[in-house]
Amino acid sequence: EAQQYLSIVFRPLLAVQSSSSLVAEALVLQQKARISWYDSLIVAAALEAKCSVLYSEDLQHGRKFSGLTIKNPFLEEQ
């Protein structure tokens, strides 16, 4: 049961590992996009994981980073 739990719950959470390339990409994003350091790490990780949508109430709704679109989950879709 523990092995099954780890596979279901933790494996998706560990899809992106910290690396020097992730930090380097976050530095570029921070400067280029003028976003906070922590937001740049989140965006860099989402890009590395090949996510198409990142849900955040802190980043600008509709903003795009390469193939990634920011969506605020608290705004109504129109």
C-alpha atoms as a PDB file:
ATOM      1  CA  GLU A   1       0.000   0.000   0.000  1.00  0.00           C
ATOM      2  CA  ALA A   2       2.827   2.409   0.821  1.00  0.00           C
ATOM      3  CA  GLN A   3       4.496   1.777  -2.548  1.00  0.00           C
ATOM      4  CA  GLN A   4       1.227   2.405  -4.376  1.00  0.00           C
ATOM      5  CA  TYR A   5       0.652   5.599  -2.366  1.00  0.00           C
ATOM      6  CA  LEU A   6       4.129   6.886  -3.226  1.00  0.00           C
ATOM      7  CA  SER A   7       3.602   6.149  -6.909  1.00  0.00           C
ATOM      8  CA  ILE A   8       0.244   7.891  -7.059  1.00  0.00           C
ATOM      9  CA  VAL A   9       0.893  10.883  -4.800  1.00  0.00           C
ATOM     10  CA  PHE A  10       4.601  11.713  -4.845  1.00  0.00           C
ATOM     11  CA  ARG A  11       5.786  10.778  -8.331  1.00  0.00           C
ATOM     12  CA  PRO A  12       3.868  13.628 -10.044  1.00  0.00           C
ATOM     13  CA  LEU A  13       5.193  16.068  -7.431  1.00  0.00           C
ATOM     14  CA  LEU A  14       8.771  15.103  -8.246  1.00  0.00           C
ATOM     15  CA  ALA A  15       8.516  15.482 -12.027  1.00  0.00           C
ATOM     16  CA  VAL A  16      11.034  18.345 -12.099  1.00  0.00           C
ATOM     17  CA  GLN A  17      14.259  18.198 -10.152  1.00  0.00           C
ATOM     18  CA  SER A  18      16.312  21.173  -9.110  1.00  0.00           C
ATOM     19  CA  SER A  19      19.295  21.652 -11.385  1.00  0.00           C
ATOM     20  CA  SER A  20      21.737  24.314 -12.484  1.00  0.00           C
ATOM     21  CA  SER A  21      19.925  24.577 -15.831  1.00  0.00           C
ATOM     22  CA  LEU A  22      16.604  25.176 -14.057  1.00  0.00           C
ATOM     23  CA  VAL A  23      18.143  27.935 -11.936  1.00  0.00           C
ATOM     24  CA  ALA A  24      19.836  29.460 -15.019  1.00  0.00           C
ATOM     25  CA  GLU A  25      16.508  29.500 -16.889  1.00  0.00           C
ATOM     26  CA  ALA A  26      14.824  31.091 -13.848  1.00  0.00           C
ATOM     27  CA  LEU A  27      17.485  33.840 -13.813  1.00  0.00           C
ATOM     28  CA  VAL A  28      16.834  34.581 -17.491  1.00  0.00           C
ATOM     29  CA  LEU A  29      13.065  34.643 -16.910  1.00  0.00           C
ATOM     30  CA  GLN A  30      13.423  36.908 -13.884  1.00  0.00           C
ATOM     31  CA  GLN A  31      15.342  39.508 -15.844  1.00  0.00           C
ATOM     32  CA  LYS A  32      13.556  39.165 -19.182  1.00  0.00           C
ATOM     33  CA  ALA A  33       9.972  38.939 -17.864  1.00  0.00           C
ATOM     34  CA  ARG A  34      10.531  41.131 -14.804  1.00  0.00           C
ATOM     35  CA  ILE A  35       8.914  38.698 -12.387  1.00  0.00           C
ATOM     36  CA  SER A  36       9.945  37.775  -8.860  1.00  0.00           C
ATOM     37  CA  TRP A  37      12.650  35.201  -8.231  1.00  0.00           C
ATOM     38  CA  TYR A  38      10.222  32.647  -6.783  1.00  0.00           C
ATOM     39  CA  ASP A  39       7.736  33.147  -9.629  1.00  0.00           C
ATOM     40  CA  SER A  40      10.544  32.707 -12.134  1.00  0.00           C
ATOM     41  CA  LEU A  41      11.481  29.381 -10.525  1.00  0.00           C
ATOM     42  CA  ILE A  42       7.862  28.223 -10.734  1.00  0.00           C
ATOM     43  CA  VAL A  43       7.552  29.268 -14.380  1.00  0.00           C
ATOM     44  CA  ALA A  44      10.898  27.655 -15.274  1.00  0.00           C
ATOM     45  CA  ALA A  45       9.822  24.395 -13.611  1.00  0.00           C
ATOM     46  CA  ALA A  46       6.458  24.455 -15.414  1.00  0.00           C
ATOM     47  CA  LEU A  47       8.230  25.019 -18.741  1.00  0.00           C
ATOM     48  CA  GLU A  48      10.659  22.177 -18.034  1.00  0.00           C
ATOM     49  CA  ALA A  49       7.715  19.890 -17.211  1.00  0.00           C
ATOM     50  CA  LYS A  50       6.143  20.905 -20.529  1.00  0.00           C
ATOM     51  CA  CYS A  51       3.001  22.241 -18.883  1.00  0.00           C
ATOM     52  CA  SER A  52       0.624  24.180 -21.100  1.00  0.00           C
ATOM     53  CA  VAL A  53      -1.214  25.945 -18.240  1.00  0.00           C
ATOM     54  CA  LEU A  54       0.017  27.326 -14.918  1.00  0.00           C
ATOM     55  CA  TYR A  55      -2.694  28.319 -12.464  1.00  0.00           C
ATOM     56  CA  SER A  56      -1.665  31.300 -10.367  1.00  0.00           C
ATOM     57  CA  GLU A  57      -3.400  34.246  -8.806  1.00  0.00           C
ATOM     58  CA  ASP A  58      -0.061  36.073  -8.478  1.00  0.00           C
ATOM     59  CA  LEU A  59       1.010  36.158 -12.128  1.00  0.00           C
ATOM     60  CA  GLN A  60      -0.810  38.093 -14.847  1.00  0.00           C
ATOM     61  CA  HIS A  61      -3.830  36.165 -16.178  1.00  0.00           C
ATOM     62  CA  GLY A  62      -3.369  35.316 -19.851  1.00  0.00           C
ATOM     63  CA  ARG A  63       0.368  36.006 -19.907  1.00  0.00           C
ATOM     64  CA  LYS A  64       2.347  33.562 -22.013  1.00  0.00           C
ATOM     65  CA  PHE A  65       5.823  32.150 -21.559  1.00  0.00           C
ATOM     66  CA  SER A  66       6.727  30.100 -24.643  1.00  0.00           C
ATOM     67  CA  GLY A  67       3.992  27.411 -24.725  1.00  0.00           C
ATOM     68  CA  LEU A  68       2.847  28.117 -21.159  1.00  0.00           C
ATOM     69  CA  THR A  69      -0.243  30.229 -20.406  1.00  0.00           C
ATOM     70  CA  ILE A  70      -0.948  31.717 -16.976  1.00  0.00           C
ATOM     71  CA  LYS A  71      -4.519  31.360 -15.756  1.00  0.00           C
ATOM     72  CA  ASN A  72      -5.995  32.817 -12.594  1.00  0.00           C
ATOM     73  CA  PRO A  73      -8.333  30.137 -11.225  1.00  0.00           C
ATOM     74  CA  PHE A  74     -10.450  32.786  -9.488  1.00  0.00           C
ATOM     75  CA  LEU A  75     -11.344  34.690 -12.640  1.00  0.00           C
ATOM     76  CA  GLU A  76     -14.392  33.670 -14.636  1.00  0.00           C
ATOM     77  CA  GLU A  77     -13.680  32.371 -18.123  1.00  0.00           C
ATOM     78  CA  GLN A  78     -15.254  34.543 -20.764  1.00  0.00           C
END
